[in-house]
Amino acid sequence: MAGFRNSGGFDMLGSGRHKIESEQQFQDSMTVCNAIGLDGLVVIGGDDSNTNGALLAEYFKAHGCKTKVCGAPKTIDGDLKCPPHIPISFGFDTACKTYATLVGNVAVDALSAQR
């Protein structure tokens, strides 16, 4: 853990853009969870990530795996909402504010350059 301290954590958590689709992928996922005695798995991401999480949860339950799967919506696309519980995913609001600030900064810089 010490090697990840103050690094933002993403290297430790990992990231992927792969869909879990084949029976072998589901079996491999369950095998790993069982091998390390995982009680819970939190999937953080957008639409595809949470679809993977939901499919894993169903597969694990159907096959008696003790690992519970929980999905946490996180996307800058703004395409993952569940009103009234999750009116907007975290990430989207931050991205909008950051981009608005950057656009504002460019506008100020352009005015100060007077070109």
Protein backbone atom coordinates (compact mmCIF):
# COMPACT_ATOMS: atom_id res chain seq x y z
CA MET A 1 0.00 0.00 0.00
CA ALA A 2 2.86 2.41 0.79
CA GLY A 3 3.82 2.56 -2.88
CA PHE A 4 0.40 3.97 -3.76
CA ARG A 5 0.22 6.60 -1.02
CA ASN A 6 -0.45 10.10 -2.40
CA SER A 7 -0.64 8.77 -5.95
CA GLY A 8 -4.36 9.30 -6.43
CA GLY A 9 -5.15 5.61 -6.07
CA PHE A 10 -5.99 4.89 -9.69
CA ASP A 11 -2.90 2.76 -10.25
CA MET A 12 -3.95 0.51 -7.39
CA LEU A 13 -7.60 0.35 -8.38
CA GLY A 14 -6.97 -0.25 -12.04
CA SER A 15 -9.09 0.67 -15.01
CA GLY A 16 -10.37 -1.15 -18.04
CA ARG A 17 -12.53 -0.73 -21.10
CA HIS A 18 -13.45 -4.37 -21.52
CA LYS A 19 -16.89 -5.92 -21.46
CA ILE A 20 -17.49 -9.18 -19.70
CA GLU A 21 -19.37 -11.18 -22.31
CA SER A 22 -18.32 -14.81 -22.55
CA GLU A 23 -19.13 -17.64 -20.16
CA GLN A 24 -15.39 -18.08 -19.63
CA GLN A 25 -15.00 -14.44 -18.56
CA PHE A 26 -17.82 -14.80 -16.04
CA GLN A 27 -16.33 -18.04 -14.72
CA ASP A 28 -12.86 -16.48 -14.46
CA SER A 29 -14.28 -13.48 -12.57
CA MET A 30 -16.03 -15.75 -10.10
CA THR A 31 -12.96 -17.95 -9.71
CA VAL A 32 -10.81 -14.95 -8.78
CA CYS A 33 -13.39 -13.60 -6.32
CA ASN A 34 -13.69 -17.02 -4.67
CA ALA A 35 -9.92 -17.57 -4.61
CA ILE A 36 -9.25 -14.36 -2.70
CA GLY A 37 -12.34 -14.68 -0.51
CA LEU A 38 -13.86 -11.43 -1.74
CA ASP A 39 -17.05 -10.51 0.10
CA GLY A 40 -17.82 -7.49 -2.08
CA LEU A 41 -16.86 -5.91 -5.37
CA VAL A 42 -17.53 -2.24 -6.13
CA VAL A 43 -17.68 -1.37 -9.82
CA ILE A 44 -17.14 2.36 -10.40
CA GLY A 45 -17.91 3.73 -13.84
CA GLY A 46 -20.40 4.62 -16.48
CA ASP A 47 -23.02 2.71 -18.41
CA ASP A 48 -20.79 -0.13 -19.63
CA SER A 49 -19.09 -0.59 -16.26
CA ASN A 50 -22.37 -0.72 -14.39
CA THR A 51 -23.84 -3.10 -16.97
CA ASN A 52 -20.85 -5.38 -16.33
CA GLY A 53 -21.47 -5.04 -12.60
CA ALA A 54 -25.14 -5.93 -12.91
CA LEU A 55 -24.38 -8.95 -15.10
CA LEU A 56 -21.67 -10.12 -12.68
CA ALA A 57 -24.06 -9.74 -9.74
CA GLU A 58 -26.68 -11.87 -11.48
CA TYR A 59 -24.12 -14.49 -12.50
CA PHE A 60 -22.58 -14.68 -9.03
CA LYS A 61 -25.99 -15.05 -7.38
CA ALA A 62 -27.10 -17.74 -9.83
CA HIS A 63 -23.90 -19.72 -9.21
CA GLY A 64 -23.80 -19.41 -5.42
CA CYS A 65 -20.85 -17.04 -5.23
CA LYS A 66 -20.69 -15.16 -1.91
CA THR A 67 -19.26 -12.01 -3.56
CA LYS A 68 -21.83 -9.20 -3.68
CA VAL A 69 -21.46 -6.66 -6.48
CA CYS A 70 -22.32 -2.98 -6.09
CA GLY A 71 -22.25 -0.42 -8.88
CA ALA A 72 -21.30 3.22 -8.29
CA PRO A 73 -22.12 5.60 -11.16
CA LYS A 74 -19.19 7.77 -12.23
CA THR A 75 -19.07 9.35 -15.66
CA ILE A 76 -18.30 12.70 -17.21
CA ASP A 77 -20.73 12.00 -20.05
CA GLY A 78 -23.84 12.83 -18.04
CA ASP A 79 -25.59 9.80 -19.52
CA LEU A 80 -26.07 7.79 -16.35
CA LYS A 81 -28.91 9.09 -14.18
CA CYS A 82 -31.44 7.49 -11.85
CA PRO A 83 -33.80 10.23 -10.70
CA PRO A 84 -34.64 10.96 -7.95
CA HIS A 85 -31.91 8.90 -6.28
CA ILE A 86 -29.03 9.93 -8.54
CA PRO A 87 -30.08 13.04 -10.49
CA ILE A 88 -26.58 13.41 -11.94
CA SER A 89 -23.49 11.27 -11.56
CA PHE A 90 -20.45 12.64 -9.81
CA GLY A 91 -17.80 13.43 -12.37
CA PHE A 92 -20.18 15.10 -14.81
CA ASP A 93 -20.77 18.14 -12.59
CA THR A 94 -17.06 18.46 -11.85
CA ALA A 95 -16.17 18.16 -15.54
CA CYS A 96 -18.73 20.84 -16.48
CA LYS A 97 -17.40 23.25 -13.84
CA THR A 98 -13.80 22.58 -14.83
CA TYR A 99 -14.49 23.10 -18.54
CA ALA A 100 -16.49 26.25 -17.81
CA THR A 101 -13.59 27.61 -15.77
CA LEU A 102 -11.11 26.78 -18.53
CA VAL A 103 -13.27 28.45 -21.18
CA GLY A 104 -13.58 31.49 -18.93
CA ASN A 105 -9.81 31.58 -18.46
CA VAL A 106 -9.23 31.42 -22.22
CA ALA A 107 -11.71 34.28 -22.71
CA VAL A 108 -9.89 36.41 -20.14
CA ASP A 109 -6.51 35.56 -21.66
CA ALA A 110 -7.78 36.43 -25.14
CA LEU A 111 -9.03 39.81 -23.91
CA SER A 112 -5.77 40.57 -22.13
CA ALA A 113 -3.76 39.75 -25.28
CA GLN A 114 -6.01 42.09 -27.33
CA ARG A 115 -5.41 40.17 -30.52
